[in-house]
Amino acid sequence: MITDADERLLRHAIEIAAAAIAAGDAPYGSLLATADGDVLAEAHNTVRRDNDITAHPELKLARWAAQQLDPETAARTTMYTSCQPCGMCSGAIVRSGLGRVVYALATSQFIELVPDGGWPEVPQEGPALFDEARVPIDTYYRS
């Protein structure tokens, strides 16, 4: 359930996205907040500026949380973001141990606004070579 406090912080994430445009960057902004609503960190998209396809604000904040917060603290945070996190960012959010994500614009809504803004599918083939591929996995996780 999204509360009034969530909406206030979500509006701040949208403000970060708007400020990104003024800085010459893409319009995506995010922040990470405590359960009390204190902002711990903010980021915006710098993919073009940094020439880095991973420079999404959600990924930056997930990385920051994994490096700077202990697991218990991370689990009590909420990420507020102007758009629904992509698959890359969602994976990082899960691995960083954040407790919750609140987003303003769903991916489906984004595609309605920017019909050709999606990404093409890249074919993936597999699994293959199970017996060979399992050796480093078994070595790492079972030793």
Protein backbone atom coordinates (compact mmCIF):
# COMPACT_ATOMS: atom_id res chain seq x y z
CA MET A 1 0.00 0.00 0.00
CA ILE A 2 1.42 3.36 -1.01
CA THR A 3 1.16 5.95 1.75
CA ASP A 4 1.22 9.76 1.71
CA ALA A 5 4.85 9.57 2.88
CA ASP A 6 5.62 7.25 -0.06
CA GLU A 7 4.03 9.73 -2.46
CA ARG A 8 6.15 12.57 -1.02
CA LEU A 9 9.36 10.60 -1.56
CA LEU A 10 8.20 9.41 -4.97
CA ARG A 11 7.65 13.04 -5.99
CA HIS A 12 11.22 13.73 -4.93
CA ALA A 13 12.41 10.90 -7.23
CA ILE A 14 10.46 12.51 -10.07
CA GLU A 15 12.15 15.84 -9.26
CA ILE A 16 15.53 14.09 -9.50
CA ALA A 17 14.49 12.79 -12.94
CA ALA A 18 13.52 16.30 -14.06
CA ALA A 19 16.84 17.68 -12.79
CA ALA A 20 18.66 14.98 -14.78
CA ILE A 21 17.28 16.50 -17.98
CA ALA A 22 18.64 19.91 -16.98
CA ALA A 23 22.04 18.25 -16.50
CA GLY A 24 21.85 16.78 -20.01
CA ASP A 25 21.03 13.26 -18.85
CA ALA A 26 18.10 10.90 -19.38
CA PRO A 27 14.97 11.53 -17.26
CA TYR A 28 15.26 8.87 -14.58
CA GLY A 29 15.75 9.49 -10.87
CA SER A 30 15.80 7.41 -7.72
CA LEU A 31 16.44 7.70 -4.01
CA LEU A 32 16.92 5.33 -1.12
CA ALA A 33 15.19 6.11 2.17
CA THR A 34 14.96 4.71 5.68
CA ALA A 35 11.69 3.50 7.16
CA ASP A 36 11.43 6.95 8.78
CA GLY A 37 11.68 8.64 5.38
CA ASP A 38 15.22 9.94 5.75
CA VAL A 39 16.96 10.03 2.37
CA LEU A 40 20.19 8.03 2.44
CA ALA A 41 21.29 8.48 -1.18
CA GLU A 42 20.05 9.82 -4.52
CA ALA A 43 21.01 9.14 -8.11
CA HIS A 44 19.95 9.86 -11.66
CA ASN A 45 20.64 8.16 -14.97
CA THR A 46 24.06 8.96 -16.44
CA VAL A 47 24.21 6.31 -19.17
CA ARG A 48 25.06 8.78 -21.95
CA ARG A 49 27.35 11.04 -19.93
CA ASP A 50 29.36 8.12 -18.53
CA ASN A 51 29.13 6.02 -21.71
CA ASP A 52 28.09 3.22 -19.33
CA ILE A 53 25.02 1.12 -20.07
CA THR A 54 24.79 0.20 -16.36
CA ALA A 55 24.58 3.79 -15.09
CA HIS A 56 20.89 3.52 -14.16
CA PRO A 57 20.01 5.23 -10.87
CA GLU A 58 18.44 2.09 -9.42
CA LEU A 59 21.60 0.07 -10.08
CA LYS A 60 23.78 2.83 -8.62
CA LEU A 61 21.73 2.87 -5.42
CA ALA A 62 21.61 -0.93 -5.15
CA ARG A 63 25.40 -1.00 -5.51
CA TRP A 64 25.76 1.79 -2.92
CA ALA A 65 23.50 -0.05 -0.47
CA ALA A 66 25.41 -3.32 -0.89
CA GLN A 67 28.68 -1.53 -0.17
CA GLN A 68 27.56 0.87 2.57
CA LEU A 69 24.70 -0.78 4.50
CA ASP A 70 24.63 -3.88 6.64
CA PRO A 71 22.00 -6.43 5.58
CA GLU A 72 19.56 -5.54 8.38
CA THR A 73 19.66 -1.83 7.53
CA ALA A 74 19.32 -2.49 3.79
CA ALA A 75 16.26 -4.67 4.43
CA ARG A 76 14.53 -1.74 6.15
CA THR A 77 15.01 0.68 3.23
CA THR A 78 12.74 1.65 0.38
CA MET A 79 13.89 2.68 -3.06
CA TYR A 80 11.72 5.33 -4.70
CA THR A 81 12.16 5.59 -8.43
CA SER A 82 10.58 7.57 -11.22
CA CYS A 83 10.17 4.49 -13.47
CA GLN A 84 9.80 0.80 -12.81
CA PRO A 85 13.25 -0.80 -12.59
CA CYS A 86 14.43 -2.77 -15.61
CA GLY A 87 15.52 -6.40 -15.36
CA MET A 88 19.17 -5.48 -14.78
CA CYS A 89 18.28 -3.13 -11.95
CA SER A 90 15.71 -5.51 -10.46
CA GLY A 91 18.37 -8.20 -10.19
CA ALA A 92 20.73 -5.80 -8.44
CA ILE A 93 17.98 -4.65 -6.07
CA VAL A 94 17.27 -8.25 -5.04
CA ARG A 95 20.95 -9.02 -4.52
CA SER A 96 21.56 -5.83 -2.53
CA GLY A 97 18.90 -6.84 -0.01
CA LEU A 98 16.75 -3.72 -0.22
CA GLY A 99 13.40 -4.09 1.48
CA ARG A 100 11.02 -2.45 -0.96
CA VAL A 101 10.68 -0.50 -4.22
CA VAL A 102 8.04 2.11 -5.01
CA TYR A 103 7.91 3.39 -8.59
CA ALA A 104 5.91 6.09 -10.34
CA LEU A 105 5.71 4.98 -13.97
CA ALA A 106 5.24 1.32 -14.94
CA THR A 107 7.18 -0.12 -17.87
CA SER A 108 3.90 -0.63 -19.74
CA GLN A 109 3.05 3.05 -19.24
CA PHE A 110 6.51 4.07 -20.42
CA ILE A 111 6.02 2.05 -23.63
CA GLU A 112 2.69 3.83 -24.20
CA LEU A 113 4.48 7.18 -23.88
CA VAL A 114 7.53 6.10 -25.93
CA PRO A 115 6.35 3.29 -28.23
CA ASP A 116 9.79 2.61 -29.71
CA GLY A 117 11.57 3.02 -26.36
CA GLY A 118 11.76 -0.70 -25.62
CA TRP A 119 14.66 -3.03 -26.26
CA PRO A 120 14.78 -5.82 -28.83
CA GLU A 121 14.92 -9.38 -27.62
CA VAL A 122 18.32 -11.04 -27.79
CA PRO A 123 18.12 -14.76 -28.54
CA GLN A 124 19.45 -16.98 -25.77
CA GLU A 125 20.21 -20.65 -26.23
CA GLY A 126 20.88 -23.23 -23.57
CA PRO A 127 21.33 -24.88 -21.24
CA ALA A 128 24.28 -26.82 -22.62
CA LEU A 129 27.34 -28.59 -21.22
CA PHE A 130 25.81 -29.17 -17.79
CA ASP A 131 28.47 -31.61 -16.57
CA GLU A 132 31.28 -29.21 -17.49
CA ALA A 133 29.54 -26.06 -16.30
CA ARG A 134 28.71 -27.52 -12.90
CA VAL A 135 32.37 -28.10 -11.96
CA PRO A 136 33.21 -24.48 -10.99
CA ILE A 137 29.79 -24.12 -9.34
CA ASP A 138 30.24 -27.29 -7.28
CA THR A 139 33.80 -26.27 -6.43
CA TYR A 140 32.73 -22.87 -5.16
CA TYR A 141 29.53 -23.76 -3.32
CA ARG A 142 30.40 -27.21 -1.98
CA SER A 143 33.95 -26.69 -0.77
